[in-house]
Amino acid sequence: MKIAIAGAGTTGAYCYRLLKNKGFRVHVYDRKRKTACGINPCAWGTSGSFMGLAAAAGLNPEIYILQRFESVIMDDVPVKGNLMTFDKPAFIRDLLGDEGVKDGPVPTNQYDRVIDATGVARSYLPPLRNDLLLPATQRRLETEERLENRIKLAGVGYAWCFPLGRMGAHVGCGSLAGNPDRYLEKLGWLPERSANPHGKVLCACKGRLRLTGPHDSQPFFMNGPSGSIWGVGEAIGCVAPLAGDGIVPGMRSVQLLLEHWENPQHYTRAVLREFEWMTRERHVVDKLLAPSPLGLRDAWVLRKNSRRMAMQVGLKEAFRFLRALKKKNTGDRRQNTE
């Protein structure tokens, strides 16, 4: 069987590694990146589940961890959690090994199976009708300051500051309500905006994040001109709509693909079952964007799903965060129309 993977991000590289470990011969295609780190988006933060997934690919996850955190400051409220930052470019390089990534689109007529790992582009599967994409801006900083692991809510989205240990820090913002660049600048986290700058911007990029969820990102499979197309990761909506976490779900979707390699219907059902919680998160996002009032059930969704990252968010805190998101979303939209 001749196999091609479209996309050499975390999900595509992980897919390549697992298939290679099983004896398949695979080619990887991607477009050239113009960012300093060679990837876009860079997204250096992840959760504890990363460890087992990396080990399943035959790699030692410990060598990629830059910094671990027992808590995150969310809108000035300390929240306990099992979070970490990792060297994503190095992880992708080691997953690919000596595989030379081919430039450009996949010549689909030359392969029996194409795996679409192109993220928001979803280049080889049909376009989505109810797609929800969040604009985001990101910076990697070289800094001498000891920065805190911090999140600020930003109107159906958030800004983040994630320390990267010896590699500085990663800051960014994604928002559906306002200009993420403007919001990030107001926070004063960037060296040029700080009263006492101690660093510089090493890398900057912009992108979009799919908040659609797998339920509204079907189909995950289709017959192509000469073979079949199967989707994985963000291409099929495997990104948490509230938290924006797509690294762990993307790698897990690859494992599900291999478990149901010959049966697209079983693969579809497995993905929908595994990430059913994303459907509930998407419903909360829809309520944040609409005039609909929020309730305790919505707060319960945030509280329950935050436990995936071992974050100790109480019901009262969850309701407070959602109300803050709703308020900021309404305020930012009003400012944008004035």
Foldseek 3Di string as FASTA:
>chain_A
DEEEEEDLFLLSLLLLLVCVVVPDDYAYAYAFDPWPLGDPPPDFKDFPLVQVLLVVSVDHQVVFWQDWDQWEQEQNRTWGFTMTGGNRSVSSCVSCPPRDHHYDDDPVQVGQEYEYPPAPPLPPDDDFDPWDKWKKKKWFKDFPDDDGFYWYFAQQWIWTWAARHVRGIMIMITHPQADRVVVRLVVQPAQVSHPDRGIHTDIIDIDIAILPAQVRLDDQKDADPNHIYGYFWNNRPQAQSRPRDTNSSRSVLSVLCVVQVPPSVSSSVVRCVVRVLSVLSVVLSVCLLDVHDDDLVNLVSVCVVSCVRPIRQDSVNSVVVSVVSSVNSVVSNVVVVD
